[in-house]
Amino acid sequence: MNLYSSIEEYSNPITEELSRNYYEIIQSLGEDSQREGLLKTPERASKAMQFLTQGYHQNAAQILESAMFKEDYDNMVILKDIELYSLCEHHLLPFFGKTHIAYIPNGHIVGLSKIPRVVDVFARRLQVQERLTKEILDCIQDTLKPKGVAVVIEASHMCMMMRGVQKQNSSTTTSAFTGEFKKSETRNEFLKLIEK
């Protein structure tokens, strides 16, 4: 299996098992699962869930290692506004937003497309935003071994917007820093550069 390809083929046994479960959920909610619009919903939902959790079958470190290059560049590299879509593990509802990532190379750079792929690997699992932020940071730090890494995630959570407190305009920001980014001067430069 390609380390970061999207799922295009689905496991028949998993699809069948999840479909049965979704069928029972629909029935338990009081809906008519034989209604035309719902006939194929269990299978579609099963495949959607497999797609949305495909990160469990991908290796983020290997993705980075596949495009590491020796380079004598030691200034900040920033990727802003990386789209993020994940599922909250508490309610299985989406949260979505933007990720901003910076690193300071220490002898190696990485192909720019690999960093958003790392975000996707960890986002396509059942998550909490706090852990997601740290997993992205740790993977880049442990694999590239740069002089420092910074990760900021800004996200809106449907579990707060659609249910519970129902605050549609709320958002959550998490951040994590290693190495040079623990110094206020470097961290402040990064934060200034990612401002809208």
N, C-alpha and C. Protein backbone atom coordinates (compact mmCIF):
# COMPACT_ATOMS: atom_id res chain seq x y z
N MET A 1 0.85 -1.19 0.00
CA MET A 1 0.00 0.00 0.00
C MET A 1 0.88 1.24 0.00
N ASN A 2 0.53 2.21 -0.83
CA ASN A 2 1.24 3.48 -0.86
C ASN A 2 1.13 4.13 0.53
N LEU A 3 2.20 4.76 0.96
CA LEU A 3 2.25 5.29 2.32
C LEU A 3 1.26 6.41 2.57
N TYR A 4 0.81 7.10 1.53
CA TYR A 4 -0.08 8.23 1.76
C TYR A 4 -1.16 8.37 0.70
N SER A 5 -1.46 7.32 -0.03
CA SER A 5 -2.53 7.40 -1.01
C SER A 5 -3.88 7.35 -0.32
N SER A 6 -4.85 8.01 -0.92
CA SER A 6 -6.20 7.94 -0.39
C SER A 6 -6.77 6.56 -0.63
N ILE A 7 -7.65 6.14 0.26
CA ILE A 7 -8.28 4.84 0.08
C ILE A 7 -9.21 4.93 -1.13
N GLU A 8 -9.00 4.05 -2.08
CA GLU A 8 -9.88 3.95 -3.25
C GLU A 8 -10.57 2.59 -3.24
N GLU A 9 -9.96 1.62 -2.58
CA GLU A 9 -10.54 0.30 -2.45
C GLU A 9 -10.80 0.05 -0.97
N TYR A 10 -11.88 -0.65 -0.68
CA TYR A 10 -12.29 -0.85 0.69
C TYR A 10 -12.30 -2.33 1.02
N SER A 11 -12.00 -2.64 2.25
CA SER A 11 -12.03 -4.02 2.71
C SER A 11 -13.48 -4.50 2.75
N ASN A 12 -13.76 -5.55 2.00
CA ASN A 12 -15.14 -6.07 1.97
C ASN A 12 -15.64 -6.51 3.35
N PRO A 13 -14.83 -7.26 4.13
CA PRO A 13 -15.33 -7.65 5.46
C PRO A 13 -15.61 -6.46 6.38
N ILE A 14 -14.73 -5.45 6.34
CA ILE A 14 -14.94 -4.26 7.18
C ILE A 14 -16.15 -3.49 6.69
N THR A 15 -16.27 -3.33 5.38
CA THR A 15 -17.41 -2.62 4.81
C THR A 15 -18.72 -3.30 5.21
N GLU A 16 -18.75 -4.62 5.12
CA GLU A 16 -19.98 -5.35 5.47
C GLU A 16 -20.30 -5.21 6.95
N GLU A 17 -19.28 -5.33 7.81
CA GLU A 17 -19.52 -5.23 9.25
C GLU A 17 -20.00 -3.84 9.64
N LEU A 18 -19.31 -2.81 9.14
CA LEU A 18 -19.73 -1.44 9.45
C LEU A 18 -21.11 -1.14 8.88
N SER A 19 -21.40 -1.66 7.68
CA SER A 19 -22.73 -1.45 7.08
C SER A 19 -23.83 -2.01 7.96
N ARG A 20 -23.60 -3.22 8.51
CA ARG A 20 -24.60 -3.81 9.42
C ARG A 20 -24.81 -2.91 10.63
N ASN A 21 -23.71 -2.37 11.16
CA ASN A 21 -23.81 -1.49 12.33
C ASN A 21 -24.57 -0.21 12.00
N TYR A 22 -24.27 0.39 10.86
CA TYR A 22 -24.98 1.61 10.46
C TYR A 22 -26.45 1.32 10.20
N TYR A 23 -26.76 0.17 9.62
CA TYR A 23 -28.15 -0.23 9.40
C TYR A 23 -28.91 -0.27 10.74
N GLU A 24 -28.27 -0.88 11.76
CA GLU A 24 -28.90 -0.97 13.08
C GLU A 24 -29.06 0.41 13.71
N ILE A 25 -28.09 1.29 13.51
CA ILE A 25 -28.21 2.65 14.05
C ILE A 25 -29.40 3.36 13.43
N ILE A 26 -29.53 3.25 12.11
CA ILE A 26 -30.64 3.89 11.41
C ILE A 26 -31.98 3.35 11.93
N GLN A 27 -32.04 2.03 12.10
CA GLN A 27 -33.26 1.41 12.62
C GLN A 27 -33.55 1.90 14.04
N SER A 28 -32.51 1.95 14.88
CA SER A 28 -32.68 2.35 16.28
C SER A 28 -33.16 3.79 16.41
N LEU A 29 -32.82 4.63 15.44
CA LEU A 29 -33.24 6.03 15.46
C LEU A 29 -34.71 6.18 15.09
N GLY A 30 -35.32 5.08 14.63
CA GLY A 30 -36.74 5.13 14.28
C GLY A 30 -36.99 5.40 12.81
N GLU A 31 -35.94 5.36 12.01
CA GLU A 31 -36.09 5.59 10.57
C GLU A 31 -36.45 4.30 9.86
N ASP A 32 -36.99 4.45 8.66
CA ASP A 32 -37.29 3.30 7.80
C ASP A 32 -36.07 3.04 6.94
N SER A 33 -35.28 2.04 7.30
CA SER A 33 -34.04 1.75 6.57
C SER A 33 -34.30 1.23 5.17
N GLN A 34 -35.56 0.90 4.85
CA GLN A 34 -35.90 0.43 3.50
C GLN A 34 -36.38 1.58 2.61
N ARG A 35 -36.43 2.76 3.16
CA ARG A 35 -36.81 3.93 2.37
C ARG A 35 -35.76 4.17 1.29
N GLU A 36 -36.17 4.61 0.11
CA GLU A 36 -35.27 4.72 -1.04
C GLU A 36 -33.98 5.49 -0.73
N GLY A 37 -34.12 6.62 -0.06
CA GLY A 37 -32.95 7.45 0.23
C GLY A 37 -31.97 6.83 1.20
N LEU A 38 -32.42 5.82 1.95
CA LEU A 38 -31.56 5.20 2.97
C LEU A 38 -31.07 3.81 2.59
N LEU A 39 -31.52 3.29 1.46
CA LEU A 39 -31.16 1.90 1.11
C LEU A 39 -29.65 1.68 1.06
N LYS A 40 -28.92 2.61 0.48
CA LYS A 40 -27.47 2.43 0.33
C LYS A 40 -26.68 3.23 1.37
N THR A 41 -27.37 3.90 2.27
CA THR A 41 -26.69 4.72 3.27
C THR A 41 -25.73 3.92 4.16
N PRO A 42 -26.10 2.74 4.66
CA PRO A 42 -25.15 2.01 5.50
C PRO A 42 -23.82 1.72 4.79
N GLU A 43 -23.87 1.33 3.53
CA GLU A 43 -22.63 1.06 2.80
C GLU A 43 -21.86 2.35 2.54
N ARG A 44 -22.56 3.41 2.16
CA ARG A 44 -21.88 4.68 1.92
C ARG A 44 -21.22 5.20 3.20
N ALA A 45 -21.95 5.11 4.32
CA ALA A 45 -21.39 5.57 5.60
C ALA A 45 -20.20 4.72 6.00
N SER A 46 -20.25 3.43 5.74
CA SER A 46 -19.14 2.54 6.05
C SER A 46 -17.89 2.95 5.28
N LYS A 47 -18.04 3.21 4.00
CA LYS A 47 -16.89 3.61 3.18
C LYS A 47 -16.39 4.99 3.57
N ALA A 48 -17.31 5.89 3.91
CA ALA A 48 -16.89 7.22 4.35
C ALA A 48 -16.06 7.14 5.63
N MET A 49 -16.50 6.30 6.58
CA MET A 49 -15.75 6.18 7.83
C MET A 49 -14.37 5.57 7.60
N GLN A 50 -14.28 4.61 6.69
CA GLN A 50 -12.96 4.04 6.37
C GLN A 50 -12.04 5.10 5.77
N PHE A 51 -12.60 5.93 4.90
CA PHE A 51 -11.81 7.00 4.30
C PHE A 51 -11.35 8.00 5.36
N LEU A 52 -12.28 8.39 6.24
CA LEU A 52 -11.98 9.42 7.24
C LEU A 52 -11.04 8.94 8.34
N THR A 53 -10.81 7.63 8.43
CA THR A 53 -9.90 7.10 9.44
C THR A 53 -8.73 6.34 8.81
N GLN A 54 -8.43 6.63 7.55
CA GLN A 54 -7.36 5.90 6.86
C GLN A 54 -5.97 6.19 7.44
N GLY A 55 -5.86 7.22 8.26
CA GLY A 55 -4.57 7.55 8.86
C GLY A 55 -4.00 6.44 9.73
N TYR A 56 -4.87 5.56 10.24
CA TYR A 56 -4.38 4.44 11.05
C TYR A 56 -3.50 3.49 10.24
N HIS A 57 -3.63 3.52 8.92
CA HIS A 57 -2.90 2.59 8.06
C HIS A 57 -1.77 3.28 7.30
N GLN A 58 -1.40 4.50 7.72
CA GLN A 58 -0.35 5.25 7.06
C GLN A 58 0.75 5.59 8.05
N ASN A 59 1.96 5.76 7.53
CA ASN A 59 3.13 6.01 8.37
C ASN A 59 3.68 7.39 8.06
N ALA A 60 3.44 8.34 8.95
CA ALA A 60 3.83 9.73 8.71
C ALA A 60 5.35 9.90 8.63
N ALA A 61 6.08 9.19 9.48
CA ALA A 61 7.54 9.31 9.45
C ALA A 61 8.10 8.84 8.11
N GLN A 62 7.57 7.76 7.58
CA GLN A 62 8.04 7.27 6.29
C GLN A 62 7.72 8.24 5.17
N ILE A 63 6.61 8.94 5.28
CA ILE A 63 6.28 9.96 4.29
C ILE A 63 7.35 11.04 4.27
N LEU A 64 7.74 11.52 5.44
CA LEU A 64 8.80 12.53 5.50
C LEU A 64 10.13 11.98 4.99
N GLU A 65 10.46 10.76 5.41
CA GLU A 65 11.74 10.16 5.00
C GLU A 65 11.84 9.96 3.50
N SER A 66 10.69 9.84 2.83
CA SER A 66 10.70 9.60 1.39
C SER A 66 11.13 10.83 0.59
N ALA A 67 11.20 11.99 1.24
CA ALA A 67 11.56 13.21 0.50
C ALA A 67 12.43 14.14 1.34
N MET A 68 13.41 13.56 2.05
CA MET A 68 14.37 14.36 2.80
C MET A 68 15.60 14.60 1.93
N PHE A 69 16.08 15.85 1.96
CA PHE A 69 17.21 16.22 1.12
C PHE A 69 18.23 16.99 1.96
N LYS A 70 19.50 16.67 1.76
CA LYS A 70 20.56 17.43 2.44
C LYS A 70 20.58 18.84 1.85
N GLU A 71 20.59 19.80 2.74
CA GLU A 71 20.60 21.19 2.29
C GLU A 71 21.14 22.06 3.40
N ASP A 72 22.02 22.99 3.03
CA ASP A 72 22.64 23.88 3.99
C ASP A 72 21.81 25.15 4.15
N TYR A 73 20.56 24.98 4.58
CA TYR A 73 19.66 26.11 4.81
C TYR A 73 19.22 26.03 6.26
N ASP A 74 19.38 27.12 6.99
CA ASP A 74 19.08 27.06 8.42
C ASP A 74 18.19 28.20 8.89
N ASN A 75 17.32 28.67 7.99
CA ASN A 75 16.33 29.67 8.37
C ASN A 75 14.96 29.01 8.43
N MET A 76 14.00 29.76 8.93
CA MET A 76 12.67 29.22 9.14
C MET A 76 11.97 28.85 7.83
N VAL A 77 11.33 27.69 7.81
CA VAL A 77 10.47 27.26 6.70
C VAL A 77 9.06 27.17 7.26
N ILE A 78 8.13 27.91 6.65
CA ILE A 78 6.76 27.98 7.17
C ILE A 78 5.77 27.52 6.11
N LEU A 79 4.84 26.66 6.52
CA LEU A 79 3.69 26.31 5.68
C LEU A 79 2.46 26.79 6.42
N LYS A 80 1.73 27.72 5.82
CA LYS A 80 0.55 28.33 6.45
C LYS A 80 -0.73 27.76 5.87
N ASP A 81 -1.77 27.84 6.65
CA ASP A 81 -3.14 27.58 6.18
C ASP A 81 -3.31 26.20 5.54
N ILE A 82 -2.70 25.19 6.12
CA ILE A 82 -2.91 23.82 5.65
C ILE A 82 -4.30 23.38 6.11
N GLU A 83 -5.15 23.03 5.17
CA GLU A 83 -6.51 22.63 5.52
C GLU A 83 -6.50 21.37 6.38
N LEU A 84 -7.38 21.34 7.34
CA LEU A 84 -7.43 20.24 8.30
C LEU A 84 -8.87 19.78 8.48
N TYR A 85 -9.09 18.48 8.36
CA TYR A 85 -10.40 17.87 8.63
C TYR A 85 -10.17 16.63 9.46
N SER A 86 -10.86 16.55 10.59
CA SER A 86 -10.69 15.40 11.46
C SER A 86 -12.02 15.06 12.13
N LEU A 87 -12.01 13.98 12.91
CA LEU A 87 -13.20 13.56 13.66
C LEU A 87 -12.90 13.58 15.15
N CYS A 88 -13.73 14.29 15.89
CA CYS A 88 -13.60 14.32 17.35
C CYS A 88 -13.90 12.93 17.92
N GLU A 89 -13.01 12.42 18.73
CA GLU A 89 -13.20 11.06 19.25
C GLU A 89 -14.30 10.98 20.30
N HIS A 90 -14.76 12.11 20.81
CA HIS A 90 -15.79 12.08 21.85
C HIS A 90 -17.20 11.92 21.29
N HIS A 91 -17.45 12.49 20.10
CA HIS A 91 -18.80 12.43 19.52
C HIS A 91 -18.82 11.93 18.09
N LEU A 92 -17.65 11.67 17.52
CA LEU A 92 -17.53 11.27 16.11
C LEU A 92 -18.11 12.34 15.18
N LEU A 93 -17.97 13.60 15.59
CA LEU A 93 -18.37 14.72 14.75
C LEU A 93 -17.12 15.42 14.23
N PRO A 94 -17.21 16.07 13.07
CA PRO A 94 -16.02 16.69 12.49
C PRO A 94 -15.53 17.89 13.27
N PHE A 95 -14.21 18.12 13.20
CA PHE A 95 -13.66 19.43 13.47
C PHE A 95 -12.74 19.76 12.31
N PHE A 96 -12.64 21.05 12.01
CA PHE A 96 -11.94 21.45 10.79
C PHE A 96 -11.35 22.83 10.98
N GLY A 97 -10.31 23.13 10.20
CA GLY A 97 -9.68 24.43 10.31
C GLY A 97 -8.39 24.48 9.54
N LYS A 98 -7.41 25.19 10.14
CA LYS A 98 -6.12 25.42 9.47
C LYS A 98 -4.99 25.04 10.41
N THR A 99 -3.94 24.53 9.80
CA THR A 99 -2.71 24.21 10.53
C THR A 99 -1.59 25.07 9.98
N HIS A 100 -0.77 25.61 10.87
CA HIS A 100 0.40 26.39 10.48
C HIS A 100 1.61 25.67 11.08
N ILE A 101 2.61 25.39 10.25
CA ILE A 101 3.77 24.63 10.69
C ILE A 101 5.04 25.32 10.23
N ALA A 102 6.02 25.35 11.11
CA ALA A 102 7.34 25.87 10.75
C ALA A 102 8.40 24.94 11.32
N TYR A 103 9.52 24.88 10.61
CA TYR A 103 10.68 24.18 11.16
C TYR A 103 11.94 24.91 10.73
N ILE A 104 13.00 24.73 11.50
CA ILE A 104 14.31 25.31 11.17
C ILE A 104 15.23 24.14 10.85
N PRO A 105 15.61 23.98 9.57
CA PRO A 105 16.40 22.81 9.16
C PRO A 105 17.73 22.72 9.90
N ASN A 106 18.18 21.49 10.01
CA ASN A 106 19.46 21.20 10.65
C ASN A 106 20.22 20.21 9.76
N GLY A 107 20.45 20.62 8.49
CA GLY A 107 21.16 19.76 7.56
C GLY A 107 20.26 19.08 6.55
N HIS A 108 18.95 19.04 6.83
CA HIS A 108 18.00 18.42 5.91
C HIS A 108 16.74 19.28 5.77
N ILE A 109 16.23 19.34 4.55
CA ILE A 109 14.90 19.90 4.32
C ILE A 109 14.01 18.75 3.84
N VAL A 110 12.72 19.03 3.72
CA VAL A 110 11.80 18.00 3.26
C VAL A 110 10.93 18.58 2.15
N GLY A 111 10.53 17.74 1.20
CA GLY A 111 9.62 18.18 0.15
C GLY A 111 8.39 18.81 0.77
N LEU A 112 8.02 19.99 0.27
CA LEU A 112 6.96 20.76 0.92
C LEU A 112 5.62 20.05 0.98
N SER A 113 5.31 19.22 0.00
CA SER A 113 4.01 18.53 0.00
C SER A 113 3.91 17.48 1.09
N LYS A 114 5.06 17.06 1.63
CA LYS A 114 5.02 15.99 2.63
C LYS A 114 4.47 16.47 3.97
N ILE A 115 4.65 17.73 4.29
CA ILE A 115 4.17 18.22 5.58
C ILE A 115 2.64 18.22 5.64
N PRO A 116 1.93 18.72 4.61
CA PRO A 116 0.47 18.57 4.64
C PRO A 116 0.02 17.11 4.67
N ARG A 117 0.79 16.23 4.06
CA ARG A 117 0.43 14.80 4.10
C ARG A 117 0.55 14.26 5.52
N VAL A 118 1.54 14.74 6.26
CA VAL A 118 1.69 14.35 7.66
C VAL A 118 0.47 14.82 8.47
N VAL A 119 0.03 16.04 8.20
CA VAL A 119 -1.17 16.55 8.87
C VAL A 119 -2.35 15.62 8.60
N ASP A 120 -2.52 15.22 7.34
CA ASP A 120 -3.64 14.33 6.99
C ASP A 120 -3.55 12.98 7.68
N VAL A 121 -2.34 12.42 7.77
CA VAL A 121 -2.19 11.11 8.41
C VAL A 121 -2.74 11.14 9.83
N PHE A 122 -2.36 12.15 10.59
CA PHE A 122 -2.80 12.21 11.98
C PHE A 122 -4.24 12.73 12.12
N ALA A 123 -4.67 13.57 11.18
CA ALA A 123 -6.04 14.10 11.24
C ALA A 123 -7.05 13.02 10.87
N ARG A 124 -6.65 12.08 10.03
CA ARG A 124 -7.59 11.04 9.60
C ARG A 124 -7.55 9.86 10.56
N ARG A 125 -7.75 10.20 11.81
CA ARG A 125 -7.91 9.25 12.91
C ARG A 125 -8.91 9.88 13.86
N LEU A 126 -9.43 9.12 14.79
CA LEU A 126 -10.28 9.71 15.83
C LEU A 126 -9.37 10.53 16.73
N GLN A 127 -9.69 11.80 16.94
CA GLN A 127 -8.71 12.70 17.52
C GLN A 127 -9.31 13.65 18.55
N VAL A 128 -8.41 14.26 19.30
CA VAL A 128 -8.66 15.51 20.01
C VAL A 128 -7.62 16.49 19.48
N GLN A 129 -7.97 17.74 19.41
CA GLN A 129 -7.08 18.73 18.78
C GLN A 129 -5.74 18.84 19.51
N GLU A 130 -5.78 18.71 20.83
CA GLU A 130 -4.53 18.83 21.60
C GLU A 130 -3.54 17.74 21.21
N ARG A 131 -4.00 16.49 21.13
CA ARG A 131 -3.10 15.38 20.77
C ARG A 131 -2.65 15.50 19.32
N LEU A 132 -3.56 15.90 18.45
CA LEU A 132 -3.22 16.06 17.04
C LEU A 132 -2.07 17.05 16.88
N THR A 133 -2.12 18.15 17.58
CA THR A 133 -1.06 19.16 17.52
C THR A 133 0.28 18.56 17.91
N LYS A 134 0.29 17.80 18.99
CA LYS A 134 1.54 17.22 19.49
C LYS A 134 2.05 16.10 18.58
N GLU A 135 1.14 15.30 18.03
CA GLU A 135 1.59 14.21 17.15
C GLU A 135 2.27 14.75 15.89
N ILE A 136 1.71 15.81 15.32
CA ILE A 136 2.33 16.43 14.14
C ILE A 136 3.71 16.96 14.50
N LEU A 137 3.79 17.69 15.61
CA LEU A 137 5.05 18.26 16.08
C LEU A 137 6.09 17.17 16.31
N ASP A 138 5.73 16.12 17.06
CA ASP A 138 6.68 15.07 17.41
C ASP A 138 7.19 14.34 16.18
N CYS A 139 6.31 14.09 15.21
CA CYS A 139 6.71 13.38 14.00
C CYS A 139 7.75 14.18 13.23
N ILE A 140 7.51 15.47 13.05
CA ILE A 140 8.47 16.30 12.31
C ILE A 140 9.78 16.41 13.07
N GLN A 141 9.69 16.62 14.39
CA GLN A 141 10.91 16.75 15.20
C GLN A 141 11.72 15.45 15.20
N ASP A 142 11.06 14.32 15.41
CA ASP A 142 11.76 13.04 15.52
C ASP A 142 12.33 12.57 14.19
N THR A 143 11.67 12.93 13.09
CA THR A 143 12.10 12.44 11.78
C THR A 143 13.15 13.35 11.14
N LEU A 144 12.86 14.64 11.07
CA LEU A 144 13.79 15.58 10.43
C LEU A 144 14.94 16.00 11.34
N LYS A 145 14.69 15.92 12.66
CA LYS A 145 15.65 16.39 13.65
C LYS A 145 16.11 17.84 13.37
N PRO A 146 15.15 18.74 13.17
CA PRO A 146 15.51 20.14 12.91
C PRO A 146 15.92 20.85 14.19
N LYS A 147 16.28 22.11 14.05
CA LYS A 147 16.65 22.91 15.22
C LYS A 147 15.42 23.32 16.03
N GLY A 148 14.26 23.14 15.45
CA GLY A 148 13.02 23.43 16.16
C GLY A 148 11.82 23.28 15.24
N VAL A 149 10.66 23.04 15.86
CA VAL A 149 9.40 22.89 15.12
C VAL A 149 8.33 23.70 15.86
N ALA A 150 7.42 24.31 15.08
CA ALA A 150 6.28 25.02 15.64
C ALA A 150 5.02 24.54 14.92
N VAL A 151 3.98 24.27 15.69
CA VAL A 151 2.69 23.87 15.12
C VAL A 151 1.58 24.65 15.82
N VAL A 152 0.72 25.29 15.03
CA VAL A 152 -0.46 25.97 15.55
C VAL A 152 -1.66 25.46 14.76
N ILE A 153 -2.70 25.04 15.47
CA ILE A 153 -3.93 24.61 14.82
C ILE A 153 -5.08 25.49 15.31
N GLU A 154 -5.84 26.00 14.35
CA GLU A 154 -7.06 26.77 14.63
C GLU A 154 -8.22 25.98 14.04
N ALA A 155 -9.18 25.57 14.87
CA ALA A 155 -10.24 24.70 14.36
C ALA A 155 -11.59 25.02 14.99
N SER A 156 -12.62 24.70 14.23
CA SER A 156 -14.00 24.78 14.70
C SER A 156 -14.51 23.36 14.89
N HIS A 157 -15.23 23.14 15.97
CA HIS A 157 -15.66 21.80 16.35
C HIS A 157 -17.18 21.69 16.26
N MET A 158 -17.65 20.77 15.42
CA MET A 158 -19.09 20.60 15.25
C MET A 158 -19.77 20.12 16.52
N CYS A 159 -19.02 19.46 17.41
CA CYS A 159 -19.63 19.01 18.67
C CYS A 159 -19.99 20.20 19.56
N MET A 160 -19.35 21.36 19.34
CA MET A 160 -19.72 22.58 20.05
C MET A 160 -20.70 23.43 19.26
N MET A 161 -20.71 23.27 17.94
CA MET A 161 -21.52 24.13 17.09
C MET A 161 -22.93 23.57 16.85
N MET A 162 -23.04 22.24 16.67
CA MET A 162 -24.32 21.61 16.33
C MET A 162 -25.08 21.11 17.55
N ARG A 163 -24.36 20.82 18.62
CA ARG A 163 -25.00 20.22 19.80
C ARG A 163 -24.40 20.89 21.05
N GLY A 164 -24.73 20.39 22.20
CA GLY A 164 -24.14 20.92 23.43
C GLY A 164 -24.38 22.41 23.57
N VAL A 165 -23.31 23.19 23.67
CA VAL A 165 -23.45 24.63 23.91
C VAL A 165 -23.89 25.39 22.65
N GLN A 166 -23.79 24.79 21.48
CA GLN A 166 -24.25 25.37 20.21
C GLN A 166 -23.72 26.78 19.99
N LYS A 167 -22.42 26.91 20.07
CA LYS A 167 -21.75 28.20 19.84
C LYS A 167 -21.11 28.17 18.45
N GLN A 168 -21.83 28.71 17.46
CA GLN A 168 -21.41 28.60 16.07
C GLN A 168 -20.16 29.40 15.73
N ASN A 169 -19.85 30.41 16.49
CA ASN A 169 -18.70 31.26 16.15
C ASN A 169 -17.46 30.97 16.99
N SER A 170 -17.50 29.88 17.74
CA SER A 170 -16.34 29.57 18.58
C SER A 170 -15.28 28.83 17.78
N SER A 171 -14.04 29.00 18.18
CA SER A 171 -12.94 28.24 17.58
C SER A 171 -11.93 27.94 18.68
N THR A 172 -11.09 26.96 18.40
CA THR A 172 -10.10 26.52 19.37
C THR A 172 -8.72 26.61 18.74
N THR A 173 -7.76 27.17 19.48
CA THR A 173 -6.38 27.26 19.00
C THR A 173 -5.49 26.47 19.94
N THR A 174 -4.66 25.61 19.35
CA THR A 174 -3.66 24.88 20.12
C THR A 174 -2.30 25.13 19.48
N SER A 175 -1.25 25.03 20.30
CA SER A 175 0.10 25.26 19.78
C SER A 175 1.08 24.37 20.52
N ALA A 176 2.19 24.09 19.84
CA ALA A 176 3.27 23.32 20.44
C ALA A 176 4.58 23.74 19.77
N PHE A 177 5.65 23.76 20.57
CA PHE A 177 6.94 24.25 20.08
C PHE A 177 8.07 23.38 20.61
N THR A 178 9.11 23.23 19.80
CA THR A 178 10.34 22.57 20.26
C THR A 178 11.54 23.44 19.89
N GLY A 179 12.66 23.14 20.53
CA GLY A 179 13.95 23.73 20.15
C GLY A 179 13.95 25.25 20.11
N GLU A 180 14.40 25.80 18.98
CA GLU A 180 14.55 27.24 18.83
C GLU A 180 13.24 28.00 19.02
N PHE A 181 12.12 27.31 18.77
CA PHE A 181 10.83 27.99 18.90
C PHE A 181 10.42 28.16 20.36
N LYS A 182 11.14 27.57 21.26
CA LYS A 182 10.87 27.83 22.68
C LYS A 182 11.42 29.19 23.10
N LYS A 183 12.30 29.75 22.27
CA LYS A 183 12.82 31.09 22.52
C LYS A 183 11.77 32.10 22.06
N SER A 184 11.45 33.06 22.90
CA SER A 184 10.35 33.99 22.61
C SER A 184 10.57 34.75 21.31
N GLU A 185 11.79 35.12 21.00
CA GLU A 185 12.05 35.89 19.79
C GLU A 185 11.69 35.09 18.53
N THR A 186 12.12 33.83 18.49
CA THR A 186 11.83 32.98 17.33
C THR A 186 10.35 32.66 17.26
N ARG A 187 9.77 32.32 18.40
CA ARG A 187 8.34 31.99 18.44
C ARG A 187 7.51 33.18 18.00
N ASN A 188 7.84 34.38 18.46
CA ASN A 188 7.08 35.58 18.11
C ASN A 188 7.21 35.90 16.62
N GLU A 189 8.38 35.66 16.05
CA GLU A 189 8.55 35.84 14.60
C GLU A 189 7.60 34.92 13.83
N PHE A 190 7.56 33.67 14.26
CA PHE A 190 6.66 32.69 13.61
C PHE A 190 5.21 33.13 13.74
N LEU A 191 4.80 33.48 14.96
CA LEU A 191 3.41 33.86 15.19
C LEU A 191 3.03 35.11 14.39
N LYS A 192 3.96 36.03 14.25
CA LYS A 192 3.69 37.23 13.46
C LYS A 192 3.52 36.88 11.98
N LEU A 193 4.33 35.96 11.49
CA LEU A 193 4.30 35.59 10.07
C LEU A 193 3.04 34.80 9.69
N ILE A 194 2.42 34.12 10.67
CA ILE A 194 1.20 33.35 10.33
C ILE A 194 -0.08 34.15 10.56
N GLU A 195 0.05 35.38 11.07
CA GLU A 195 -1.14 36.20 11.28
C GLU A 195 -1.82 36.46 9.96
N LYS A 196 -3.12 36.54 10.00
CA LYS A 196 -3.89 36.81 8.78
C LYS A 196 -3.61 38.22 8.31
